[in-house]
Amino acid sequence: MVYWHGTTGDKNAMVLELLGSNIETLFISRNRSFSITTIVMMAEQMFELLEHVHSRKFLHKDIKPENFAKGYKDPTIIYLLDYGLSKRYINPKTKEHIPYNTNRNMTGTVRYASVNTHLGIEQSRRDDIEALLYMLVYLAKGVLPWQNIKANENKLKYAKIMEIKMSVSPEVLFKELPSN
């Protein structure tokens, strides 16, 4: 629950209820294993949270397990956190969608970033959703095919990760996950 939001000095602030652990911390504490039932229950709330952010004309741009937390009073409720990279996708004055753009810098967490984000394409709602799907596969399998890539510099590492994301088929990505 949001108790207050506004500006204090030159900073924007939001006062939320006390939250429990983030999803990554919970995942690690459970030996990197959630039941498929738990993942489906979390996924439903996560998609609803993302849908709400998008309905407010914002992109989150940094979907990852660390940015979701369970409630403290009610641990069955999931919260979406850290709007530091968020961006409006509708201009509030003109009511127009932000323009398609290329040559954008990588924004967000590389492990979950969409292919279009790697390609430098302006992020949109589809990229938040793609990142959430990668995150859910990570929570279901414990690892993604592009994890633990080694390179001498980040630019090379990001290129290798993008190459794997672009080449991995859905059959490989979703292998060993329940089909129904």
Protein backbone atom coordinates (compact mmCIF):
# COMPACT_ATOMS: atom_id res chain seq x y z
CA MET A 1 0.00 0.00 0.00
CA VAL A 2 1.23 3.50 -0.82
CA TYR A 3 0.77 5.81 2.17
CA TRP A 4 2.17 8.94 0.58
CA HIS A 5 3.93 10.09 -2.56
CA GLY A 6 5.16 13.45 -3.62
CA THR A 7 8.14 15.73 -3.78
CA THR A 8 10.26 16.80 -0.89
CA GLY A 9 12.84 19.38 -1.86
CA ASP A 10 14.14 18.33 -5.26
CA LYS A 11 13.49 14.59 -4.67
CA ASN A 12 10.48 12.47 -5.48
CA ALA A 13 9.50 10.07 -2.71
CA MET A 14 7.02 7.32 -1.95
CA VAL A 15 6.13 5.88 1.44
CA LEU A 16 5.09 2.22 1.23
CA GLU A 17 4.17 -0.34 3.78
CA LEU A 18 7.06 -2.38 5.18
CA LEU A 19 7.99 -5.12 2.72
CA GLY A 20 9.48 -8.56 3.15
CA SER A 21 12.35 -10.13 1.23
CA ASN A 22 12.83 -9.62 -2.47
CA ILE A 23 12.22 -12.58 -4.78
CA GLU A 24 15.92 -13.21 -5.50
CA THR A 25 16.69 -13.43 -1.77
CA LEU A 26 13.78 -15.85 -1.30
CA PHE A 27 14.89 -17.88 -4.32
CA ILE A 28 18.43 -18.25 -2.95
CA SER A 29 17.14 -19.10 0.54
CA ARG A 30 15.12 -21.95 -1.00
CA ASN A 31 18.15 -23.45 -2.76
CA ARG A 32 17.19 -21.81 -6.06
CA SER A 33 13.99 -23.79 -6.31
CA PHE A 34 10.38 -22.65 -6.36
CA SER A 35 7.50 -24.98 -7.12
CA ILE A 36 5.72 -24.38 -10.40
CA THR A 37 2.60 -23.49 -8.37
CA THR A 38 4.53 -20.75 -6.55
CA ILE A 39 5.93 -19.41 -9.82
CA VAL A 40 2.49 -19.32 -11.45
CA MET A 41 1.00 -17.53 -8.43
CA MET A 42 3.81 -14.96 -8.46
CA ALA A 43 3.65 -14.59 -12.26
CA GLU A 44 -0.04 -13.70 -12.15
CA GLN A 45 0.63 -10.87 -9.69
CA MET A 46 3.77 -9.74 -11.53
CA PHE A 47 1.91 -9.42 -14.83
CA GLU A 48 -0.88 -7.50 -13.08
CA LEU A 49 1.66 -5.15 -11.50
CA LEU A 50 3.34 -4.56 -14.85
CA GLU A 51 -0.04 -4.03 -16.49
CA HIS A 52 -0.81 -1.38 -13.86
CA VAL A 53 2.51 0.42 -14.43
CA HIS A 54 1.86 0.36 -18.17
CA SER A 55 -1.71 1.62 -17.69
CA ARG A 56 -0.19 4.66 -15.97
CA LYS A 57 1.83 5.26 -19.19
CA PHE A 58 5.19 4.21 -17.71
CA LEU A 59 7.77 1.56 -18.58
CA HIS A 60 9.63 -0.04 -15.69
CA LYS A 61 12.79 -0.87 -17.68
CA ASP A 62 14.51 -2.96 -14.97
CA ILE A 63 12.51 -6.13 -14.42
CA LYS A 64 14.46 -8.58 -12.24
CA PRO A 65 13.80 -10.71 -9.14
CA GLU A 66 15.46 -8.13 -6.90
CA ASN A 67 12.80 -5.60 -7.92
CA PHE A 68 9.88 -7.70 -6.70
CA ALA A 69 9.28 -8.26 -2.99
CA LYS A 70 6.70 -10.05 -0.90
CA GLY A 71 4.60 -8.23 1.63
CA TYR A 72 5.66 -8.23 5.25
CA LYS A 73 2.19 -8.41 6.80
CA ASP A 74 0.80 -10.54 3.98
CA PRO A 75 3.59 -12.55 2.29
CA THR A 76 1.21 -13.71 -0.44
CA ILE A 77 1.20 -10.22 -1.97
CA ILE A 78 3.98 -9.27 -4.39
CA TYR A 79 5.17 -5.67 -4.88
CA LEU A 80 7.11 -4.13 -7.77
CA LEU A 81 10.02 -1.92 -6.64
CA ASP A 82 12.69 0.46 -7.90
CA TYR A 83 11.31 2.82 -10.46
CA GLY A 84 14.67 4.57 -10.90
CA LEU A 85 14.96 3.67 -14.59
CA SER A 86 11.25 4.08 -15.35
CA LYS A 87 10.21 6.26 -18.24
CA ARG A 88 6.96 7.62 -19.62
CA TYR A 89 6.06 6.07 -22.94
CA ILE A 90 3.26 8.59 -23.56
CA ASN A 91 4.11 12.27 -23.59
CA PRO A 92 1.69 13.83 -21.05
CA LYS A 93 1.48 17.10 -23.00
CA THR A 94 1.04 15.82 -26.55
CA LYS A 95 -0.53 12.45 -25.60
CA GLU A 96 1.71 10.87 -28.24
CA HIS A 97 3.68 7.66 -27.90
CA ILE A 98 7.43 8.16 -27.63
CA PRO A 99 9.01 7.81 -31.07
CA TYR A 100 10.71 4.68 -32.30
CA ASN A 101 14.41 5.21 -31.84
CA THR A 102 17.61 3.26 -32.36
CA ASN A 103 21.16 3.59 -31.05
CA ARG A 104 19.96 3.60 -27.43
CA ASN A 105 22.34 2.53 -24.67
CA MET A 106 21.73 -0.64 -22.67
CA THR A 107 19.36 0.11 -19.79
CA GLY A 108 18.36 -2.34 -17.09
CA THR A 109 19.79 -5.68 -16.04
CA VAL A 110 21.49 -7.48 -18.92
CA ARG A 111 20.46 -10.97 -17.76
CA TYR A 112 16.76 -10.14 -18.27
CA ALA A 113 16.97 -7.42 -20.93
CA SER A 114 15.01 -7.99 -24.13
CA VAL A 115 16.69 -8.63 -27.47
CA ASN A 116 15.47 -5.22 -28.71
CA THR A 117 17.13 -3.56 -25.72
CA HIS A 118 20.41 -5.27 -26.69
CA LEU A 119 19.90 -4.07 -30.26
CA GLY A 120 19.62 -0.47 -29.03
CA ILE A 121 15.93 -0.08 -29.89
CA GLU A 122 13.88 2.29 -27.73
CA GLN A 123 12.23 0.25 -25.01
CA SER A 124 8.49 -0.23 -24.91
CA ARG A 125 5.96 -2.31 -23.01
CA ARG A 126 6.96 -5.44 -24.95
CA ASP A 127 10.46 -5.20 -23.48
CA ASP A 128 9.17 -5.18 -19.88
CA ILE A 129 7.10 -8.26 -20.74
CA GLU A 130 10.00 -10.06 -22.42
CA ALA A 131 12.19 -9.33 -19.38
CA LEU A 132 9.49 -10.71 -17.07
CA LEU A 133 9.30 -13.90 -19.15
CA TYR A 134 13.08 -14.36 -18.92
CA MET A 135 12.85 -13.79 -15.18
CA LEU A 136 10.11 -16.42 -14.78
CA VAL A 137 12.15 -18.96 -16.78
CA TYR A 138 15.08 -18.19 -14.47
CA LEU A 139 12.90 -18.81 -11.41
CA ALA A 140 11.59 -22.07 -12.89
CA LYS A 141 14.92 -23.47 -14.09
CA GLY A 142 17.42 -21.74 -11.79
CA VAL A 143 19.55 -20.61 -14.71
CA LEU A 144 19.30 -18.98 -18.13
CA PRO A 145 21.41 -20.12 -21.13
CA TRP A 146 23.30 -16.81 -21.22
CA GLN A 147 24.32 -16.72 -17.58
CA ASN A 148 27.98 -16.89 -16.55
CA ILE A 149 29.32 -15.60 -19.87
CA LYS A 150 32.91 -14.44 -19.47
CA ALA A 151 34.48 -11.60 -21.47
CA ASN A 152 37.24 -9.06 -20.97
CA GLU A 153 34.90 -6.10 -21.23
CA ASN A 154 31.18 -5.49 -20.75
CA LYS A 155 30.54 -4.55 -24.38
CA LEU A 156 31.86 -7.94 -25.55
CA LYS A 157 29.98 -9.76 -22.78
CA TYR A 158 26.72 -8.00 -23.72
CA ALA A 159 27.27 -8.91 -27.38
CA LYS A 160 27.77 -12.58 -26.48
CA ILE A 161 24.64 -12.56 -24.31
CA MET A 162 22.63 -10.95 -27.11
CA GLU A 163 23.90 -13.54 -29.58
CA ILE A 164 22.74 -16.38 -27.32
CA LYS A 165 19.35 -14.73 -26.70
CA MET A 166 18.85 -14.31 -30.43
CA SER A 167 19.85 -17.88 -31.26
CA VAL A 168 18.16 -19.86 -28.48
CA SER A 169 14.88 -21.38 -29.62
CA PRO A 170 11.75 -21.36 -27.45
CA GLU A 171 12.03 -25.17 -27.35
CA VAL A 172 15.46 -24.89 -25.74
CA LEU A 173 14.57 -21.96 -23.48
CA PHE A 174 11.42 -23.66 -22.17
CA LYS A 175 12.84 -27.19 -22.16
CA GLU A 176 11.97 -29.15 -19.00
CA LEU A 177 9.21 -26.71 -18.01
CA PRO A 178 5.66 -28.02 -17.56
CA SER A 179 3.66 -27.70 -20.77
CA ASN A 180 0.22 -27.30 -19.21
